[in-house]
PDB file of N, CA and C in Angstrom:
ATOM      1  N   MET A   1      -4.851  24.648   8.737  1.00  0.00           N
ATOM      2  CA  MET A   1      -3.548  24.236   9.251  1.00  0.00           C
ATOM      3  C   MET A   1      -3.630  22.865   9.909  1.00  0.00           C
ATOM      4  N   LYS A   2      -4.757  22.592  10.570  1.00  0.00           N
ATOM      5  CA  LYS A   2      -4.908  21.323  11.271  1.00  0.00           C
ATOM      6  C   LYS A   2      -4.890  20.148  10.299  1.00  0.00           C
ATOM      7  N   LYS A   3      -5.512  20.320   9.105  1.00  0.00           N
ATOM      8  CA  LYS A   3      -5.524  19.257   8.103  1.00  0.00           C
ATOM      9  C   LYS A   3      -4.107  18.952   7.617  1.00  0.00           C
ATOM     10  N   ALA A   4      -3.313  19.977   7.415  1.00  0.00           N
ATOM     11  CA  ALA A   4      -1.941  19.789   6.945  1.00  0.00           C
ATOM     12  C   ALA A   4      -1.105  19.043   7.983  1.00  0.00           C
ATOM     13  N   SER A   5      -1.267  19.375   9.259  1.00  0.00           N
ATOM     14  CA  SER A   5      -0.495  18.674  10.285  1.00  0.00           C
ATOM     15  C   SER A   5      -0.973  17.237  10.414  1.00  0.00           C
ATOM     16  N   GLY A   6      -2.264  16.981  10.207  1.00  0.00           N
ATOM     17  CA  GLY A   6      -2.777  15.613  10.214  1.00  0.00           C
ATOM     18  C   GLY A   6      -2.176  14.788   9.091  1.00  0.00           C
ATOM     19  N   HIS A   7      -2.072  15.396   7.899  1.00  0.00           N
ATOM     20  CA  HIS A   7      -1.431  14.726   6.771  1.00  0.00           C
ATOM     21  C   HIS A   7       0.014  14.374   7.113  1.00  0.00           C
ATOM     22  N   TRP A   8       0.715  15.328   7.696  1.00  0.00           N
ATOM     23  CA  TRP A   8       2.127  15.128   8.028  1.00  0.00           C
ATOM     24  C   TRP A   8       2.279  13.967   9.008  1.00  0.00           C
ATOM     25  N   ILE A   9       1.427  13.928  10.034  1.00  0.00           N
ATOM     26  CA  ILE A   9       1.511  12.862  11.036  1.00  0.00           C
ATOM     27  C   ILE A   9       1.198  11.512  10.414  1.00  0.00           C
ATOM     28  N   ILE A  10       0.125  11.446   9.624  1.00  0.00           N
ATOM     29  CA  ILE A  10      -0.246  10.173   8.999  1.00  0.00           C
ATOM     30  C   ILE A  10       0.846   9.699   8.050  1.00  0.00           C
ATOM     31  N   GLN A  11       1.452  10.613   7.318  1.00  0.00           N
ATOM     32  CA  GLN A  11       2.525  10.226   6.401  1.00  0.00           C
ATOM     33  C   GLN A  11       3.714   9.654   7.172  1.00  0.00           C
ATOM     34  N   ARG A  12       4.036  10.234   8.305  1.00  0.00           N
ATOM     35  CA  ARG A  12       5.149   9.715   9.114  1.00  0.00           C
ATOM     36  C   ARG A  12       4.803   8.369   9.740  1.00  0.00           C
ATOM     37  N   VAL A  13       3.567   8.214  10.200  1.00  0.00           N
ATOM     38  CA  VAL A  13       3.139   6.943  10.799  1.00  0.00           C
ATOM     39  C   VAL A  13       3.179   5.823   9.756  1.00  0.00           C
ATOM     40  N   THR A  14       2.672   6.105   8.551  1.00  0.00           N
ATOM     41  CA  THR A  14       2.708   5.066   7.514  1.00  0.00           C
ATOM     42  C   THR A  14       4.142   4.758   7.098  1.00  0.00           C
ATOM     43  N   ALA A  15       5.003   5.759   7.080  1.00  0.00           N
ATOM     44  CA  ALA A  15       6.411   5.511   6.739  1.00  0.00           C
ATOM     45  C   ALA A  15       7.063   4.592   7.770  1.00  0.00           C
ATOM     46  N   ILE A  16       6.788   4.845   9.032  1.00  0.00           N
ATOM     47  CA  ILE A  16       7.354   3.999  10.095  1.00  0.00           C
ATOM     48  C   ILE A  16       6.765   2.598  10.018  1.00  0.00           C
ATOM     49  N   ALA A  17       5.473   2.489   9.741  1.00  0.00           N
ATOM     50  CA  ALA A  17       4.826   1.172   9.640  1.00  0.00           C
ATOM     51  C   ALA A  17       5.360   0.385   8.458  1.00  0.00           C
ATOM     52  N   LEU A  18       5.747   1.071   7.399  1.00  0.00           N
ATOM     53  CA  LEU A  18       6.232   0.378   6.204  1.00  0.00           C
ATOM     54  C   LEU A  18       7.576  -0.312   6.428  1.00  0.00           C
ATOM     55  N   VAL A  19       8.372   0.169   7.346  1.00  0.00           N
ATOM     56  CA  VAL A  19       9.699  -0.426   7.567  1.00  0.00           C
ATOM     57  C   VAL A  19       9.593  -1.908   7.951  1.00  0.00           C
ATOM     58  N   PRO A  20       8.910  -2.278   9.032  1.00  0.00           N
ATOM     59  CA  PRO A  20       8.837  -3.707   9.352  1.00  0.00           C
ATOM     60  C   PRO A  20       8.022  -4.498   8.335  1.00  0.00           C
ATOM     61  N   LEU A  21       7.031  -3.857   7.709  1.00  0.00           N
ATOM     62  CA  LEU A  21       6.222  -4.572   6.730  1.00  0.00           C
ATOM     63  C   LEU A  21       7.025  -4.915   5.475  1.00  0.00           C
ATOM     64  N   VAL A  22       7.866  -4.003   5.032  1.00  0.00           N
ATOM     65  CA  VAL A  22       8.732  -4.290   3.882  1.00  0.00           C
ATOM     66  C   VAL A  22       9.766  -5.347   4.251  1.00  0.00           C
ATOM     67  N   LEU A  23      10.288  -5.289   5.471  1.00  0.00           N
ATOM     68  CA  LEU A  23      11.227  -6.332   5.916  1.00  0.00           C
ATOM     69  C   LEU A  23      10.549  -7.697   5.940  1.00  0.00           C
ATOM     70  N   LEU A  24       9.294  -7.756   6.359  1.00  0.00           N
ATOM     71  CA  LEU A  24       8.534  -9.000   6.323  1.00  0.00           C
ATOM     72  C   LEU A  24       8.399  -9.504   4.894  1.00  0.00           C
ATOM     73  N   LEU A  25       8.082  -8.606   3.982  1.00  0.00           N
ATOM     74  CA  LEU A  25       7.962  -8.987   2.577  1.00  0.00           C
ATOM     75  C   LEU A  25       9.289  -9.513   2.041  1.00  0.00           C
ATOM     76  N   LEU A  26      10.366  -8.809   2.327  1.00  0.00           N
ATOM     77  CA  LEU A  26      11.683  -9.261   1.859  1.00  0.00           C
ATOM     78  C   LEU A  26      12.039 -10.628   2.437  1.00  0.00           C
ATOM     79  N   TYR A  27      11.779 -10.818   3.712  1.00  0.00           N
ATOM     80  CA  TYR A  27      12.031 -12.111   4.335  1.00  0.00           C
ATOM     81  C   TYR A  27      11.208 -13.200   3.650  1.00  0.00           C
ATOM     82  N   GLY A  28       9.927 -12.915   3.416  1.00  0.00           N
ATOM     83  CA  GLY A  28       9.062 -13.894   2.765  1.00  0.00           C
ATOM     84  C   GLY A  28       9.525 -14.234   1.370  1.00  0.00           C
ATOM     85  N   VAL A  29       9.911 -13.219   0.603  1.00  0.00           N
ATOM     86  CA  VAL A  29      10.371 -13.454  -0.771  1.00  0.00           C
ATOM     87  C   VAL A  29      11.659 -14.277  -0.761  1.00  0.00           C
ATOM     88  N   LEU A  30      12.581 -13.921   0.101  1.00  0.00           N
ATOM     89  CA  LEU A  30      13.840 -14.665   0.163  1.00  0.00           C
ATOM     90  C   LEU A  30      13.630 -16.095   0.661  1.00  0.00           C
ATOM     91  N   ALA A  31      12.734 -16.277   1.612  1.00  0.00           N
ATOM     92  CA  ALA A  31      12.468 -17.615   2.136  1.00  0.00           C
ATOM     93  C   ALA A  31      11.767 -18.493   1.105  1.00  0.00           C
ATOM     94  N   MET A  32      10.991 -17.889   0.220  1.00  0.00           N
ATOM     95  CA  MET A  32      10.242 -18.660  -0.769  1.00  0.00           C
ATOM     96  C   MET A  32      10.965 -18.802  -2.103  1.00  0.00           C
ATOM     97  N   ALA A  33      12.098 -18.160  -2.249  1.00  0.00           N
ATOM     98  CA  ALA A  33      12.820 -18.199  -3.519  1.00  0.00           C
ATOM     99  C   ALA A  33      13.155 -19.634  -3.896  1.00  0.00           C
ATOM    100  N   GLY A  34      12.784 -20.005  -5.103  1.00  0.00           N
ATOM    101  CA  GLY A  34      13.091 -21.334  -5.610  1.00  0.00           C
ATOM    102  C   GLY A  34      12.145 -22.429  -5.150  1.00  0.00           C
ATOM    103  N   GLN A  35      11.165 -22.092  -4.343  1.00  0.00           N
ATOM    104  CA  GLN A  35      10.213 -23.085  -3.852  1.00  0.00           C
ATOM    105  C   GLN A  35       9.148 -23.360  -4.919  1.00  0.00           C
ATOM    106  N   PRO A  36       8.566 -24.558  -4.896  1.00  0.00           N
ATOM    107  CA  PRO A  36       7.491 -24.846  -5.850  1.00  0.00           C
ATOM    108  C   PRO A  36       6.242 -24.024  -5.555  1.00  0.00           C
ATOM    109  N   TYR A  37       5.356 -23.955  -6.528  1.00  0.00           N
ATOM    110  CA  TYR A  37       4.139 -23.151  -6.449  1.00  0.00           C
ATOM    111  C   TYR A  37       3.333 -23.467  -5.205  1.00  0.00           C
ATOM    112  N   ASP A  38       3.135 -24.739  -4.900  1.00  0.00           N
ATOM    113  CA  ASP A  38       2.305 -25.130  -3.760  1.00  0.00           C
ATOM    114  C   ASP A  38       2.852 -24.574  -2.442  1.00  0.00           C
ATOM    115  N   VAL A  39       4.156 -24.597  -2.292  1.00  0.00           N
ATOM    116  CA  VAL A  39       4.781 -24.090  -1.066  1.00  0.00           C
ATOM    117  C   VAL A  39       4.595 -22.579  -0.971  1.00  0.00           C
ATOM    118  N   VAL A  40       4.817 -21.870  -2.077  1.00  0.00           N
ATOM    119  CA  VAL A  40       4.662 -20.412  -2.088  1.00  0.00           C
ATOM    120  C   VAL A  40       3.200 -20.041  -1.812  1.00  0.00           C
ATOM    121  N   HIS A  41       2.276 -20.737  -2.447  1.00  0.00           N
ATOM    122  CA  HIS A  41       0.855 -20.458  -2.244  1.00  0.00           C
ATOM    123  C   HIS A  41       0.464 -20.689  -0.787  1.00  0.00           C
ATOM    124  N   ALA A  42       0.920 -21.781  -0.206  1.00  0.00           N
ATOM    125  CA  ALA A  42       0.606 -22.074   1.194  1.00  0.00           C
ATOM    126  C   ALA A  42       1.185 -21.009   2.118  1.00  0.00           C
ATOM    127  N   GLN A  43       2.390 -20.563   1.818  1.00  0.00           N
ATOM    128  CA  GLN A  43       3.013 -19.528   2.647  1.00  0.00           C
ATOM    129  C   GLN A  43       2.241 -18.216   2.552  1.00  0.00           C
ATOM    130  N   LEU A  44       1.850 -17.820   1.334  1.00  0.00           N
ATOM    131  CA  LEU A  44       1.087 -16.578   1.155  1.00  0.00           C
ATOM    132  C   LEU A  44      -0.308 -16.677   1.768  1.00  0.00           C
ATOM    133  N   ALA A  45      -0.850 -17.893   1.831  1.00  0.00           N
ATOM    134  CA  ALA A  45      -2.192 -18.094   2.385  1.00  0.00           C
ATOM    135  C   ALA A  45      -2.176 -18.240   3.908  1.00  0.00           C
ATOM    136  N   SER A  46      -0.999 -18.266   4.507  1.00  0.00           N
ATOM    137  CA  SER A  46      -0.950 -18.357   5.964  1.00  0.00           C
ATOM    138  C   SER A  46      -1.458 -17.044   6.564  1.00  0.00           C
ATOM    139  N   PRO A  47      -2.166 -17.119   7.684  1.00  0.00           N
ATOM    140  CA  PRO A  47      -2.726 -15.889   8.271  1.00  0.00           C
ATOM    141  C   PRO A  47      -1.677 -14.820   8.579  1.00  0.00           C
ATOM    142  N   PHE A  48      -0.536 -15.222   9.096  1.00  0.00           N
ATOM    143  CA  PHE A  48       0.506 -14.246   9.441  1.00  0.00           C
ATOM    144  C   PHE A  48       0.968 -13.477   8.211  1.00  0.00           C
ATOM    145  N   MET A  49       1.268 -14.201   7.139  1.00  0.00           N
ATOM    146  CA  MET A  49       1.757 -13.547   5.919  1.00  0.00           C
ATOM    147  C   MET A  49       0.647 -12.745   5.251  1.00  0.00           C
ATOM    148  N   ALA A  50      -0.571 -13.278   5.231  1.00  0.00           N
ATOM    149  CA  ALA A  50      -1.682 -12.569   4.591  1.00  0.00           C
ATOM    150  C   ALA A  50      -1.992 -11.263   5.315  1.00  0.00           C
ATOM    151  N   ILE A  51      -2.005 -11.288   6.630  1.00  0.00           N
ATOM    152  CA  ILE A  51      -2.272 -10.063   7.399  1.00  0.00           C
ATOM    153  C   ILE A  51      -1.139  -9.059   7.196  1.00  0.00           C
ATOM    154  N   GLY A  52       0.093  -9.546   7.239  1.00  0.00           N
ATOM    155  CA  GLY A  52       1.235  -8.661   7.008  1.00  0.00           C
ATOM    156  C   GLY A  52       1.203  -8.020   5.636  1.00  0.00           C
ATOM    157  N   LEU A  53       0.876  -8.808   4.611  1.00  0.00           N
ATOM    158  CA  LEU A  53       0.802  -8.259   3.257  1.00  0.00           C
ATOM    159  C   LEU A  53      -0.373  -7.295   3.107  1.00  0.00           C
ATOM    160  N   ALA A  54      -1.498  -7.597   3.756  1.00  0.00           N
ATOM    161  CA  ALA A  54      -2.645  -6.680   3.702  1.00  0.00           C
ATOM    162  C   ALA A  54      -2.278  -5.344   4.344  1.00  0.00           C
ATOM    163  N   LEU A  55      -1.610  -5.388   5.474  1.00  0.00           N
ATOM    164  CA  LEU A  55      -1.169  -4.144   6.119  1.00  0.00           C
ATOM    165  C   LEU A  55      -0.169  -3.394   5.252  1.00  0.00           C
ATOM    166  N   LEU A  56       0.725  -4.126   4.580  1.00  0.00           N
ATOM    167  CA  LEU A  56       1.690  -3.506   3.673  1.00  0.00           C
ATOM    168  C   LEU A  56       0.974  -2.812   2.517  1.00  0.00           C
ATOM    169  N   ILE A  57      -0.013  -3.471   1.947  1.00  0.00           N
ATOM    170  CA  ILE A  57      -0.776  -2.883   0.840  1.00  0.00           C
ATOM    171  C   ILE A  57      -1.484  -1.613   1.295  1.00  0.00           C
ATOM    172  N   ILE A  58      -2.161  -1.682   2.425  1.00  0.00           N
ATOM    173  CA  ILE A  58      -2.907  -0.519   2.918  1.00  0.00           C
ATOM    174  C   ILE A  58      -1.964   0.637   3.238  1.00  0.00           C
ATOM    175  N   ALA A  59      -0.928   0.362   4.012  1.00  0.00           N
ATOM    176  CA  ALA A  59       0.008   1.430   4.390  1.00  0.00           C
ATOM    177  C   ALA A  59       0.751   1.974   3.180  1.00  0.00           C
ATOM    178  N   GLY A  60       1.126   1.101   2.262  1.00  0.00           N
ATOM    179  CA  GLY A  60       1.877   1.537   1.085  1.00  0.00           C
ATOM    180  C   GLY A  60       1.073   2.442   0.175  1.00  0.00           C
ATOM    181  N   PHE A  61      -0.160   2.031  -0.142  1.00  0.00           N
ATOM    182  CA  PHE A  61      -0.975   2.872  -1.019  1.00  0.00           C
ATOM    183  C   PHE A  61      -1.417   4.151  -0.323  1.00  0.00           C
ATOM    184  N   TRP A  62      -1.671   4.097   0.969  1.00  0.00           N
ATOM    185  CA  TRP A  62      -2.057   5.296   1.705  1.00  0.00           C
ATOM    186  C   TRP A  62      -0.889   6.292   1.738  1.00  0.00           C
ATOM    187  N   HIS A  63       0.310   5.780   2.010  1.00  0.00           N
ATOM    188  CA  HIS A  63       1.500   6.621   2.052  1.00  0.00           C
ATOM    189  C   HIS A  63       1.775   7.240   0.679  1.00  0.00           C
ATOM    190  N   ALA A  64       1.668   6.439  -0.363  1.00  0.00           N
ATOM    191  CA  ALA A  64       1.905   6.940  -1.721  1.00  0.00           C
ATOM    192  C   ALA A  64       0.878   8.007  -2.098  1.00  0.00           C
ATOM    193  N   ARG A  65      -0.381   7.775  -1.735  1.00  0.00           N
ATOM    194  CA  ARG A  65      -1.433   8.743  -2.042  1.00  0.00           C
ATOM    195  C   ARG A  65      -1.172  10.075  -1.344  1.00  0.00           C
ATOM    196  N   LEU A  66      -0.808  10.027  -0.069  1.00  0.00           N
ATOM    197  CA  LEU A  66      -0.516  11.263   0.660  1.00  0.00           C
ATOM    198  C   LEU A  66       0.681  11.990   0.066  1.00  0.00           C
ATOM    199  N   GLY A  67       1.698  11.240  -0.309  1.00  0.00           N
ATOM    200  CA  GLY A  67       2.882  11.860  -0.904  1.00  0.00           C
ATOM    201  C   GLY A  67       2.575  12.527  -2.232  1.00  0.00           C
ATOM    202  N   MET A  68       1.794  11.849  -3.065  1.00  0.00           N
ATOM    203  CA  MET A  68       1.432  12.440  -4.362  1.00  0.00           C
ATOM    204  C   MET A  68       0.535  13.658  -4.175  1.00  0.00           C
ATOM    205  N   GLN A  69      -0.366  13.597  -3.211  1.00  0.00           N
ATOM    206  CA  GLN A  69      -1.216  14.763  -2.940  1.00  0.00           C
ATOM    207  C   GLN A  69      -0.366  15.968  -2.546  1.00  0.00           C
ATOM    208  N   GLU A  70       0.636  15.721  -1.746  1.00  0.00           N
ATOM    209  CA  GLU A  70       1.516  16.806  -1.311  1.00  0.00           C
ATOM    210  C   GLU A  70       2.250  17.426  -2.500  1.00  0.00           C
ATOM    211  N   VAL A  71       2.754  16.585  -3.380  1.00  0.00           N
ATOM    212  CA  VAL A  71       3.460  17.076  -4.568  1.00  0.00           C
ATOM    213  C   VAL A  71       2.505  17.869  -5.463  1.00  0.00           C
ATOM    214  N   ILE A  72       1.309  17.329  -5.688  1.00  0.00           N
ATOM    215  CA  ILE A  72       0.338  18.010  -6.550  1.00  0.00           C
ATOM    216  C   ILE A  72      -0.057  19.364  -5.968  1.00  0.00           C
ATOM    217  N   VAL A  73      -0.367  19.406  -4.694  1.00  0.00           N
ATOM    218  CA  VAL A  73      -0.777  20.663  -4.064  1.00  0.00           C
ATOM    219  C   VAL A  73       0.354  21.693  -4.098  1.00  0.00           C
ATOM    220  N   ASP A  74       1.586  21.240  -3.910  1.00  0.00           N
ATOM    221  CA  ASP A  74       2.722  22.165  -3.883  1.00  0.00           C
ATOM    222  C   ASP A  74       3.118  22.683  -5.267  1.00  0.00           C
ATOM    223  N   TYR A  75       2.953  21.859  -6.330  1.00  0.00           N
ATOM    224  CA  TYR A  75       3.531  22.231  -7.619  1.00  0.00           C
ATOM    225  C   TYR A  75       2.541  22.460  -8.743  1.00  0.00           C
ATOM    226  N   ILE A  76       1.283  22.096  -8.561  1.00  0.00           N
ATOM    227  CA  ILE A  76       0.285  22.351  -9.602  1.00  0.00           C
ATOM    228  C   ILE A  76      -0.542  23.554  -9.156  1.00  0.00           C
ATOM    229  N   HIS A  77      -0.432  24.642  -9.895  1.00  0.00           N
ATOM    230  CA  HIS A  77      -1.029  25.893  -9.456  1.00  0.00           C
ATOM    231  C   HIS A  77      -2.407  26.159 -10.053  1.00  0.00           C
ATOM    232  N   LYS A  78      -2.718  25.544 -11.192  1.00  0.00           N
ATOM    233  CA  LYS A  78      -4.046  25.734 -11.778  1.00  0.00           C
ATOM    234  C   LYS A  78      -5.043  24.883 -11.006  1.00  0.00           C
ATOM    235  N   GLU A  79      -6.099  25.534 -10.527  1.00  0.00           N
ATOM    236  CA  GLU A  79      -7.075  24.872  -9.650  1.00  0.00           C
ATOM    237  C   GLU A  79      -7.733  23.665 -10.316  1.00  0.00           C
ATOM    238  N   ARG A  80      -8.132  23.790 -11.567  1.00  0.00           N
ATOM    239  CA  ARG A  80      -8.799  22.672 -12.255  1.00  0.00           C
ATOM    240  C   ARG A  80      -7.843  21.504 -12.471  1.00  0.00           C
ATOM    241  N   SER A  81      -6.629  21.806 -12.860  1.00  0.00           N
ATOM    242  CA  SER A  81      -5.638  20.744 -13.053  1.00  0.00           C
ATOM    243  C   SER A  81      -5.346  20.041 -11.732  1.00  0.00           C
ATOM    244  N   ARG A  82      -5.209  20.813 -10.674  1.00  0.00           N
ATOM    245  CA  ARG A  82      -4.942  20.257  -9.351  1.00  0.00           C
ATOM    246  C   ARG A  82      -6.093  19.338  -8.915  1.00  0.00           C
ATOM    247  N   ALA A  83      -7.322  19.809  -9.086  1.00  0.00           N
ATOM    248  CA  ALA A  83      -8.479  19.014  -8.684  1.00  0.00           C
ATOM    249  C   ALA A  83      -8.548  17.711  -9.480  1.00  0.00           C
ATOM    250  N   LEU A  84      -8.296  17.782 -10.781  1.00  0.00           N
ATOM    251  CA  LEU A  84      -8.326  16.576 -11.612  1.00  0.00           C
ATOM    252  C   LEU A  84      -7.230  15.597 -11.209  1.00  0.00           C
ATOM    253  N   LEU A  85      -6.029  16.106 -10.982  1.00  0.00           N
ATOM    254  CA  LEU A  85      -4.924  15.229 -10.586  1.00  0.00           C
ATOM    255  C   LEU A  85      -5.154  14.605  -9.213  1.00  0.00           C
ATOM    256  N   LEU A  86      -5.719  15.359  -8.298  1.00  0.00           N
ATOM    257  CA  LEU A  86      -6.037  14.796  -6.981  1.00  0.00           C
ATOM    258  C   LEU A  86      -7.095  13.708  -7.094  1.00  0.00           C
ATOM    259  N   LEU A  87      -8.091  13.926  -7.939  1.00  0.00           N
ATOM    260  CA  LEU A  87      -9.125  12.920  -8.163  1.00  0.00           C
ATOM    261  C   LEU A  87      -8.526  11.657  -8.774  1.00  0.00           C
ATOM    262  N   LEU A  88      -7.674  11.820  -9.769  1.00  0.00           N
ATOM    263  CA  LEU A  88      -7.029  10.669 -10.402  1.00  0.00           C
ATOM    264  C   LEU A  88      -6.098   9.931  -9.440  1.00  0.00           C
ATOM    265  N   THR A  89      -5.388  10.680  -8.632  1.00  0.00           N
ATOM    266  CA  THR A  89      -4.502  10.066  -7.646  1.00  0.00           C
ATOM    267  C   THR A  89      -5.298   9.226  -6.650  1.00  0.00           C
ATOM    268  N   ASN A  90      -6.378   9.769  -6.150  1.00  0.00           N
ATOM    269  CA  ASN A  90      -7.223   9.030  -5.210  1.00  0.00           C
ATOM    270  C   ASN A  90      -7.820   7.789  -5.869  1.00  0.00           C
ATOM    271  N   ALA A  91      -8.325   7.947  -7.089  1.00  0.00           N
ATOM    272  CA  ALA A  91      -8.924   6.814  -7.794  1.00  0.00           C
ATOM    273  C   ALA A  91      -7.893   5.715  -8.041  1.00  0.00           C
ATOM    274  N   LEU A  92      -6.698   6.094  -8.451  1.00  0.00           N
ATOM    275  CA  LEU A  92      -5.653   5.107  -8.714  1.00  0.00           C
ATOM    276  C   LEU A  92      -5.220   4.407  -7.430  1.00  0.00           C
ATOM    277  N   ALA A  93      -5.009   5.170  -6.372  1.00  0.00           N
ATOM    278  CA  ALA A  93      -4.572   4.574  -5.108  1.00  0.00           C
ATOM    279  C   ALA A  93      -5.628   3.624  -4.552  1.00  0.00           C
ATOM    280  N   PHE A  94      -6.879   4.066  -4.523  1.00  0.00           N
ATOM    281  CA  PHE A  94      -7.937   3.212  -3.984  1.00  0.00           C
ATOM    282  C   PHE A  94      -8.201   2.020  -4.897  1.00  0.00           C
ATOM    283  N   GLY A  95      -8.227   2.256  -6.197  1.00  0.00           N
ATOM    284  CA  GLY A  95      -8.481   1.162  -7.142  1.00  0.00           C
ATOM    285  C   GLY A  95      -7.396   0.096  -7.097  1.00  0.00           C
ATOM    286  N   ALA A  96      -6.153   0.516  -7.134  1.00  0.00           N
ATOM    287  CA  ALA A  96      -5.044  -0.442  -7.095  1.00  0.00           C
ATOM    288  C   ALA A  96      -4.974  -1.133  -5.732  1.00  0.00           C
ATOM    289  N   GLY A  97      -5.244  -0.398  -4.674  1.00  0.00           N
ATOM    290  CA  GLY A  97      -5.241  -0.995  -3.337  1.00  0.00           C
ATOM    291  C   GLY A  97      -6.326  -2.046  -3.181  1.00  0.00           C
ATOM    292  N   ILE A  98      -7.517  -1.746  -3.657  1.00  0.00           N
ATOM    293  CA  ILE A  98      -8.621  -2.709  -3.589  1.00  0.00           C
ATOM    294  C   ILE A  98      -8.300  -3.929  -4.447  1.00  0.00           C
ATOM    295  N   ALA A  99      -7.749  -3.724  -5.629  1.00  0.00           N
ATOM    296  CA  ALA A  99      -7.390  -4.847  -6.492  1.00  0.00           C
ATOM    297  C   ALA A  99      -6.332  -5.737  -5.824  1.00  0.00           C
ATOM    298  N   ALA A 100      -5.341  -5.119  -5.188  1.00  0.00           N
ATOM    299  CA  ALA A 100      -4.297  -5.896  -4.512  1.00  0.00           C
ATOM    300  C   ALA A 100      -4.870  -6.658  -3.321  1.00  0.00           C
ATOM    301  N   LEU A 101      -5.726  -6.011  -2.536  1.00  0.00           N
ATOM    302  CA  LEU A 101      -6.348  -6.692  -1.398  1.00  0.00           C
ATOM    303  C   LEU A 101      -7.276  -7.822  -1.857  1.00  0.00           C
ATOM    304  N   PHE A 102      -8.004  -7.604  -2.935  1.00  0.00           N
ATOM    305  CA  PHE A 102      -8.860  -8.653  -3.480  1.00  0.00           C
ATOM    306  C   PHE A 102      -8.025  -9.845  -3.938  1.00  0.00           C
ATOM    307  N   SER A 103      -6.907  -9.576  -4.600  1.00  0.00           N
ATOM    308  CA  SER A 103      -6.022 -10.664  -5.043  1.00  0.00           C
ATOM    309  C   SER A 103      -5.483 -11.445  -3.850  1.00  0.00           C
ATOM    310  N   LEU A 104      -5.073 -10.737  -2.827  1.00  0.00           N
ATOM    311  CA  LEU A 104      -4.573 -11.389  -1.617  1.00  0.00           C
ATOM    312  C   LEU A 104      -5.678 -12.208  -0.954  1.00  0.00           C
ATOM    313  N   PHE A 105      -6.893 -11.672  -0.922  1.00  0.00           N
ATOM    314  CA  PHE A 105      -8.029 -12.400  -0.369  1.00  0.00           C
ATOM    315  C   PHE A 105      -8.294 -13.687  -1.140  1.00  0.00           C
ATOM    316  N   ARG A 106      -8.185 -13.614  -2.469  1.00  0.00           N
ATOM    317  CA  ARG A 106      -8.382 -14.811  -3.296  1.00  0.00           C
ATOM    318  C   ARG A 106      -7.326 -15.872  -2.997  1.00  0.00           C
ATOM    319  N   ILE A 107      -6.092 -15.460  -2.805  1.00  0.00           N
ATOM    320  CA  ILE A 107      -5.027 -16.412  -2.456  1.00  0.00           C
ATOM    321  C   ILE A 107      -5.318 -17.014  -1.087  1.00  0.00           C
ATOM    322  N   PHE A 108      -5.718 -16.168  -0.142  1.00  0.00           N
ATOM    323  CA  PHE A 108      -5.960 -16.629   1.223  1.00  0.00           C
ATOM    324  C   PHE A 108      -7.122 -17.615   1.292  1.00  0.00           C
ATOM    325  N   THR A 109      -8.191 -17.355   0.542  1.00  0.00           N
ATOM    326  CA  THR A 109      -9.375 -18.216   0.613  1.00  0.00           C
ATOM    327  C   THR A 109      -9.304 -19.425  -0.310  1.00  0.00           C
ATOM    328  N   ALA A 110      -8.396 -19.430  -1.264  1.00  0.00           N
ATOM    329  CA  ALA A 110      -8.321 -20.536  -2.231  1.00  0.00           C
ATOM    330  C   ALA A 110      -7.587 -21.733  -1.656  1.00  0.00           C
ATOM    331  N   GLY A 111      -6.863 -21.546  -0.612  1.00  0.00           N
ATOM    332  CA  GLY A 111      -6.011 -22.630  -0.179  1.00  0.00           C
ATOM    333  C   GLY A 111      -6.353 -23.258   1.083  1.00  0.00           C
TER     334      GLY A 111
END
């Protein structure tokens, strides 16, 4: 029971954290709309934007992973299928998250 309540709390915390992070992303996208490549690259490479985007990536993939785990556990009843889907969900979330963070790191260090 304790693990389930921990999942619930973490899912709510990441949901709350995503609100200002998504607003930051929207503000950044709108502010950079129509700007040349150099301006957009410099903005994305700024520490404030890079840290905000890194937090968005981490919170977003963590929240999505927890949500998918909840759906799989609730609706997939065959143990082997459930285990395989949970493994794939974790691999996809971690793999895509690492790829996104690596891409952001490359933008941050290239400029």
